[in-house]
Amino acid sequence: MRTRFTIPFLSIISVLFITVFLNGCGQSSNNPNDRKNDPLKGKITISGAFALYPLTVKWGEEFRKIHPNVTINISAGGAGKGMADALSRMVDLGMYSKEVSPEEKAKGAWSIAVARDAVLPTINSANPVLKELKAHGLTREKLSSVFLSGEVKTWGNLTGTKNNVAVQPFTRSDACGASEMWAKYLGKKKQEDLLGLGVNGDPGVADAVRKNPSGIGYNNLNFIYDMQTRKVYSGLEVVPIDINENGIIDPDENFYANLDEVMKAIKGGIYPSPPARDLYFVAAGKPVNKTVLVFLQWVMTEGQKYLTEAGYVTVSDEKLKDGMAQVK
């Protein structure tokens, strides 16, 4: 089954984990000899970060075209779940959307960086001060006044207008990398530092913002942009960040309308890091299962060609080289 992310789909799964099973049902080659001749067999289980889930599904689909006797089970439930499942060996690989901590390494966490994306602030397309936000954006300080201090209460306060509609921030209720990256960008260290109504999962936050004209949240790229049109999903808008804090969105800061332009800004270091970040596969020690290792080797080589299509950018050459060395 091919999973596509659309706004109606997000509404349905806003409080659910997403799971996809890639087995013999239409995912592999139509040639029956491929199944007979390919010696690689087995099952790979993966869970974790919503940020990496769409790309991992794509990788699973393409990998099974080459190795049809491999079954892949992929579920999204947040980066915290991915790390916990990996360390407890409930899954072969965890999807992780932040840097592995020293404490996690001490528990035996092994990791490789496989892709890069970013967390962007999102609002409803019917936001009452959309015109002002498009023209002037929000600085990190103003975003902090919403998500950290809570001292800004209305959209008028944020934009210097007379609008008295209350700001409704949304944050993640599940343990995730997106929240930690957003908190770090705003000047704190932990997900728990963020204010807002807690919503489960990346799709849940996107759906909550889409339903509330006064809402503001933060999302990973795949839950903001349609991968086919490369445009923002209907009902959502991205809040431009006034990176140089000069009070206007300059041409080099105005790259949010098209996914490919956002990806260029991430790759070129124009969009700040954090909330841009590397994405990882993690495990309880280096995997020893041959099927898992072959999959990881493919991800770090042939699999990299699917990043742009799926809405991701490559990690640095140094990290890519290190990852390839680790899975040999």
Protein backbone atom coordinates (compact mmCIF):
# COMPACT_ATOMS: atom_id res chain seq x y z
CA MET A 1 0.00 0.00 0.00
CA ARG A 2 1.29 3.45 -0.86
CA THR A 3 0.69 6.01 1.88
CA ARG A 4 0.05 9.55 0.68
CA PHE A 5 -0.37 12.48 3.03
CA THR A 6 -3.37 14.67 2.38
CA ILE A 7 -5.26 16.98 4.71
CA PRO A 8 -8.32 14.66 4.94
CA PHE A 9 -5.92 11.85 5.81
CA LEU A 10 -4.31 13.95 8.52
CA SER A 11 -7.71 14.59 10.05
CA ILE A 12 -8.40 10.88 10.31
CA ILE A 13 -5.07 9.98 11.93
CA SER A 14 -4.62 13.02 14.15
CA VAL A 15 -4.59 10.91 17.33
CA LEU A 16 -3.37 7.62 15.90
CA PHE A 17 -0.03 6.03 15.16
CA ILE A 18 0.62 5.43 11.46
CA THR A 19 1.72 1.97 10.42
CA VAL A 20 2.48 0.55 7.02
CA PHE A 21 3.36 -3.03 6.19
CA LEU A 22 5.39 -3.57 3.04
CA ASN A 23 4.99 -7.20 2.12
CA GLY A 24 3.99 -9.15 -0.98
CA CYS A 25 0.96 -7.06 -1.87
CA GLY A 26 1.94 -5.06 -4.92
CA GLN A 27 5.17 -3.60 -3.58
CA SER A 28 7.71 -5.82 -5.34
CA SER A 29 8.53 -6.70 -8.90
CA ASN A 30 5.81 -8.29 -11.04
CA ASN A 31 8.31 -10.83 -12.30
CA PRO A 32 7.82 -14.07 -10.28
CA ASN A 33 11.42 -15.05 -11.01
CA ASP A 34 12.64 -12.09 -8.95
CA ARG A 35 11.19 -13.61 -5.78
CA LYS A 36 12.63 -17.01 -6.61
CA ASN A 37 16.09 -15.75 -7.53
CA ASP A 38 16.72 -13.13 -4.86
CA PRO A 39 18.51 -14.71 -1.88
CA LEU A 40 17.83 -11.90 0.61
CA LYS A 41 14.98 -12.79 2.93
CA GLY A 42 13.72 -11.67 6.30
CA LYS A 43 11.79 -8.99 8.13
CA ILE A 44 12.76 -5.45 9.12
CA THR A 45 10.85 -3.58 11.83
CA ILE A 46 11.13 0.21 12.15
CA SER A 47 9.34 2.73 14.39
CA GLY A 48 9.67 6.32 15.52
CA ALA A 49 9.82 9.88 14.27
CA PHE A 50 7.06 11.27 12.08
CA ALA A 51 9.74 13.42 10.41
CA LEU A 52 11.49 10.41 8.89
CA TYR A 53 8.43 8.21 8.35
CA PRO A 54 7.46 9.33 4.79
CA LEU A 55 11.01 8.88 3.51
CA THR A 56 11.36 5.51 5.23
CA VAL A 57 8.14 4.32 3.58
CA LYS A 58 9.53 5.40 0.21
CA TRP A 59 12.80 3.61 0.93
CA GLY A 60 10.91 0.49 1.94
CA GLU A 61 8.87 0.48 -1.25
CA GLU A 62 11.91 0.90 -3.48
CA PHE A 63 14.05 -1.59 -1.54
CA ARG A 64 11.38 -4.29 -1.92
CA LYS A 65 11.38 -3.87 -5.67
CA ILE A 66 14.94 -5.20 -5.52
CA HIS A 67 14.43 -7.62 -2.64
CA PRO A 68 10.82 -8.88 -2.83
CA ASN A 69 11.33 -11.56 -0.16
CA VAL A 70 11.90 -8.94 2.53
CA THR A 71 8.96 -7.75 4.65
CA ILE A 72 9.21 -4.27 6.19
CA ASN A 73 6.98 -3.01 9.02
CA ILE A 74 7.19 0.77 9.55
CA SER A 75 5.25 2.68 12.21
CA ALA A 76 5.27 6.35 13.22
CA GLY A 77 4.74 7.32 16.83
CA GLY A 78 7.34 9.99 17.60
CA ALA A 79 11.10 10.04 18.06
CA GLY A 80 10.82 9.08 21.73
CA LYS A 81 9.03 5.89 20.80
CA GLY A 82 11.60 5.15 18.12
CA MET A 83 14.50 5.39 20.57
CA ALA A 84 12.68 3.43 23.28
CA ASP A 85 11.65 0.68 20.85
CA ALA A 86 15.17 0.44 19.44
CA LEU A 87 16.93 0.28 22.81
CA SER A 88 14.48 -2.36 24.07
CA ARG A 89 14.99 -4.30 20.80
CA MET A 90 11.27 -4.20 20.04
CA VAL A 91 12.29 -3.01 16.55
CA ASP A 92 15.40 -3.34 14.44
CA LEU A 93 15.66 0.39 13.76
CA GLY A 94 14.27 3.53 15.34
CA MET A 95 13.59 6.70 13.37
CA TYR A 96 15.04 9.61 15.35
CA SER A 97 14.74 13.31 14.61
CA LYS A 98 17.34 14.87 16.89
CA GLU A 99 20.94 14.25 17.84
CA VAL A 100 21.53 11.20 20.01
CA SER A 101 22.41 12.30 23.54
CA PRO A 102 25.39 11.07 25.60
CA GLU A 103 22.90 9.39 27.96
CA GLU A 104 21.34 7.47 25.07
CA LYS A 105 24.77 6.46 23.81
CA ALA A 106 25.61 5.20 27.29
CA LYS A 107 22.57 2.94 27.05
CA GLY A 108 23.95 1.43 23.86
CA ALA A 109 22.36 3.63 21.20
CA TRP A 110 24.03 3.37 17.78
CA SER A 111 23.10 5.87 15.08
CA ILE A 112 23.68 7.01 11.53
CA ALA A 113 22.47 10.28 9.96
CA VAL A 114 20.46 9.44 6.85
CA ALA A 115 18.73 12.69 5.78
CA ARG A 116 18.05 16.28 6.79
CA ASP A 117 14.89 18.39 7.08
CA ALA A 118 13.49 21.22 9.23
CA VAL A 119 10.68 22.27 11.52
CA LEU A 120 8.67 25.29 10.30
CA PRO A 121 6.08 27.42 12.14
CA THR A 122 2.58 26.95 10.73
CA ILE A 123 -0.66 28.93 10.87
CA ASN A 124 -4.16 28.68 9.45
CA SER A 125 -4.64 30.11 5.94
CA ALA A 126 -7.51 32.18 7.35
CA ASN A 127 -5.30 33.79 10.00
CA PRO A 128 -6.71 37.27 10.81
CA VAL A 129 -3.36 39.04 10.23
CA LEU A 130 -2.04 36.87 7.39
CA LYS A 131 -1.15 39.86 5.20
CA GLU A 132 0.97 41.44 7.94
CA LEU A 133 2.68 38.14 8.73
CA LYS A 134 3.55 37.55 5.07
CA ALA A 135 5.08 41.00 4.81
CA HIS A 136 6.91 41.24 8.13
CA GLY A 137 7.17 37.69 9.46
CA LEU A 138 7.96 36.91 13.09
CA THR A 139 11.31 37.11 14.80
CA ARG A 140 12.62 34.42 17.11
CA GLU A 141 11.87 36.73 20.04
CA LYS A 142 8.23 37.10 19.03
CA LEU A 143 7.84 33.37 18.51
CA SER A 144 9.37 32.87 21.96
CA SER A 145 6.77 35.20 23.44
CA VAL A 146 4.11 32.78 22.18
CA PHE A 147 5.68 29.39 22.84
CA LEU A 148 7.88 30.10 25.89
CA SER A 149 6.78 33.06 28.01
CA GLY A 150 3.15 33.26 26.88
CA GLU A 151 3.24 37.02 27.40
CA VAL A 152 1.80 37.75 23.95
CA LYS A 153 -1.92 37.02 23.97
CA THR A 154 -3.31 38.38 20.68
CA TRP A 155 -2.37 38.47 17.04
CA GLY A 156 -2.46 42.25 17.28
CA ASN A 157 0.25 42.15 19.96
CA LEU A 158 2.39 40.02 17.66
CA THR A 159 1.99 42.16 14.57
CA GLY A 160 1.58 45.65 15.97
CA THR A 161 -2.00 45.90 14.75
CA LYS A 162 -5.30 46.41 16.55
CA ASN A 163 -6.47 42.84 16.03
CA ASN A 164 -7.66 41.36 19.33
CA VAL A 165 -8.06 37.70 18.28
CA ALA A 166 -6.35 35.47 20.84
CA VAL A 167 -3.33 33.45 19.75
CA GLN A 168 -3.79 29.69 20.22
CA PRO A 169 -0.46 27.86 20.20
CA PHE A 170 -0.35 24.11 19.59
CA THR A 171 2.52 21.86 20.61
CA ARG A 172 3.25 18.12 20.58
CA SER A 173 2.04 15.87 23.38
CA ASP A 174 4.18 12.92 22.25
CA ALA A 175 7.93 12.78 22.86
CA CYS A 176 9.45 14.05 19.62
CA GLY A 177 12.45 15.65 18.01
CA ALA A 178 10.43 18.42 16.37
CA SER A 179 9.48 19.93 19.73
CA GLU A 180 13.01 19.77 21.07
CA MET A 181 14.40 21.41 17.92
CA TRP A 182 11.73 24.12 18.13
CA ALA A 183 12.49 24.72 21.82
CA LYS A 184 16.23 24.93 21.11
CA TYR A 185 15.67 27.43 18.33
CA LEU A 186 13.63 29.60 20.69
CA GLY A 187 16.31 29.49 23.39
CA LYS A 188 15.41 26.54 25.60
CA LYS A 189 16.52 22.91 25.66
CA LYS A 190 13.51 20.69 26.24
CA GLN A 191 10.14 19.91 24.71
CA GLU A 192 8.58 20.50 28.14
CA ASP A 193 9.57 24.18 27.95
CA LEU A 194 7.02 24.82 25.19
CA LEU A 195 3.58 26.25 25.89
CA GLY A 196 0.45 25.36 23.98
CA LEU A 197 -2.34 22.86 23.67
CA GLY A 198 -0.75 19.44 23.37
CA VAL A 199 -1.65 17.40 20.30
CA ASN A 200 -0.44 13.93 19.40
CA GLY A 201 1.82 13.63 16.39
CA ASP A 202 2.92 15.78 13.50
CA PRO A 203 -0.31 15.17 11.57
CA GLY A 204 -2.29 16.05 14.69
CA VAL A 205 -0.67 19.48 15.00
CA ALA A 206 -1.15 20.21 11.29
CA ASP A 207 -4.81 19.25 11.53
CA ALA A 208 -5.37 21.30 14.71
CA VAL A 209 -3.89 24.41 13.08
CA ARG A 210 -5.86 23.82 9.89
CA LYS A 211 -9.11 23.79 11.90
CA ASN A 212 -8.37 26.89 13.99
CA PRO A 213 -7.96 30.32 12.31
CA SER A 214 -6.19 31.68 15.41
CA GLY A 215 -3.88 28.68 15.77
CA ILE A 216 -0.11 28.50 15.43
CA GLY A 217 2.02 25.37 15.57
CA TYR A 218 5.15 23.84 14.09
CA ASN A 219 5.54 20.97 11.67
CA ASN A 220 8.02 18.94 9.68
CA LEU A 221 8.10 19.56 5.93
CA ASN A 222 6.16 16.45 4.92
CA PHE A 223 3.14 17.56 6.94
CA ILE A 224 3.14 21.06 5.44
CA TYR A 225 3.86 20.47 1.75
CA ASP A 226 2.20 18.20 -0.78
CA MET A 227 4.96 16.11 -2.32
CA GLN A 228 3.27 16.07 -5.75
CA THR A 229 2.48 19.79 -6.14
CA ARG A 230 5.36 20.96 -3.88
CA LYS A 231 2.92 23.55 -2.49
CA VAL A 232 1.59 24.08 1.04
CA TYR A 233 -1.44 21.95 1.88
CA SER A 234 -4.79 23.70 1.63
CA GLY A 235 -5.76 25.31 4.92
CA LEU A 236 -2.18 25.85 6.10
CA GLU A 237 0.38 28.62 5.74
CA VAL A 238 3.98 28.90 6.88
CA VAL A 239 4.91 31.85 9.10
CA PRO A 240 7.97 33.49 7.49
CA ILE A 241 10.79 33.90 10.00
CA ASP A 242 12.39 37.34 10.03
CA ILE A 243 15.86 35.84 10.28
CA ASN A 244 17.82 39.12 10.18
CA GLU A 245 15.22 40.81 12.42
CA ASN A 246 14.90 43.95 10.29
CA GLY A 247 11.10 44.02 10.45
CA ILE A 248 10.41 42.82 6.89
CA ILE A 249 10.69 39.59 4.96
CA ASP A 250 13.49 40.23 2.51
CA PRO A 251 13.62 38.40 -0.84
CA ASP A 252 16.23 35.94 0.43
CA GLU A 253 13.96 35.11 3.40
CA ASN A 254 10.87 34.57 1.26
CA PHE A 255 11.23 30.92 0.22
CA TYR A 256 8.23 29.20 1.82
CA ALA A 257 5.73 29.03 -1.05
CA ASN A 258 7.52 26.15 -2.75
CA LEU A 259 9.02 23.05 -1.11
CA ASP A 260 12.04 23.00 -3.40
CA GLU A 261 12.94 26.56 -2.41
CA VAL A 262 12.65 25.64 1.26
CA MET A 263 14.94 22.66 0.69
CA LYS A 264 17.52 24.93 -0.96
CA ALA A 265 17.36 27.25 2.05
CA ILE A 266 17.93 24.32 4.41
CA LYS A 267 20.79 22.89 2.37
CA GLY A 268 22.40 26.31 1.97
CA GLY A 269 22.19 27.10 5.68
CA ILE A 270 19.87 30.08 5.15
CA TYR A 271 17.11 28.53 7.24
CA PRO A 272 18.47 28.39 10.82
CA SER A 273 19.70 25.20 12.49
CA PRO A 274 17.96 24.35 14.73
CA PRO A 275 15.14 24.01 13.75
CA ALA A 276 16.78 22.48 10.67
CA ARG A 277 18.31 19.17 11.79
CA ASP A 278 19.67 15.78 10.76
CA LEU A 279 17.48 12.66 10.90
CA TYR A 280 18.80 9.32 12.12
CA PHE A 281 18.28 5.61 12.19
CA VAL A 282 19.12 4.29 15.66
CA ALA A 283 19.54 0.79 17.06
CA ALA A 284 20.67 -1.03 20.20
CA GLY A 285 24.24 -1.37 19.02
CA LYS A 286 25.30 -1.79 15.42
CA PRO A 287 22.82 -4.11 13.69
CA VAL A 288 24.10 -7.61 13.01
CA ASN A 289 21.09 -8.89 11.07
CA LYS A 290 22.21 -9.27 7.46
CA THR A 291 18.88 -8.10 6.02
CA VAL A 292 18.93 -4.94 8.12
CA LEU A 293 22.55 -4.20 7.16
CA VAL A 294 21.84 -4.64 3.45
CA PHE A 295 18.90 -2.26 3.80
CA LEU A 296 21.07 0.34 5.56
CA GLN A 297 23.82 -0.01 2.96
CA TRP A 298 21.24 0.59 0.24
CA VAL A 299 19.81 3.62 2.12
CA MET A 300 23.24 5.25 2.35
CA THR A 301 23.97 4.71 -1.36
CA GLU A 302 21.18 4.10 -3.90
CA GLY A 303 18.49 5.21 -1.47
CA GLN A 304 19.87 8.74 -1.31
CA LYS A 305 18.54 9.52 -4.78
CA TYR A 306 14.96 9.54 -3.43
CA LEU A 307 15.51 12.35 -0.93
CA THR A 308 14.62 15.29 -3.16
CA GLU A 309 11.45 13.66 -4.45
CA ALA A 310 10.37 12.88 -0.89
CA GLY A 311 11.08 16.39 0.44
CA TYR A 312 14.44 15.96 2.20
CA VAL A 313 18.01 17.16 1.73
CA THR A 314 21.24 15.20 2.14
CA VAL A 315 23.35 15.32 5.26
CA SER A 316 26.89 16.69 5.02
CA ASP A 317 29.40 14.75 2.94
CA GLU A 318 31.32 13.95 6.11
CA LYS A 319 28.28 12.43 7.83
CA LEU A 320 27.28 10.54 4.70
CA LYS A 321 30.77 9.07 4.43
CA ASP A 322 30.75 8.16 8.11
CA GLY A 323 27.36 6.49 7.79
CA MET A 324 28.47 4.41 4.84
CA ALA A 325 31.56 3.30 6.74
CA GLN A 326 29.44 2.28 9.75
CA VAL A 327 27.17 -0.05 7.78
CA LYS A 328 29.86 -1.94 5.87
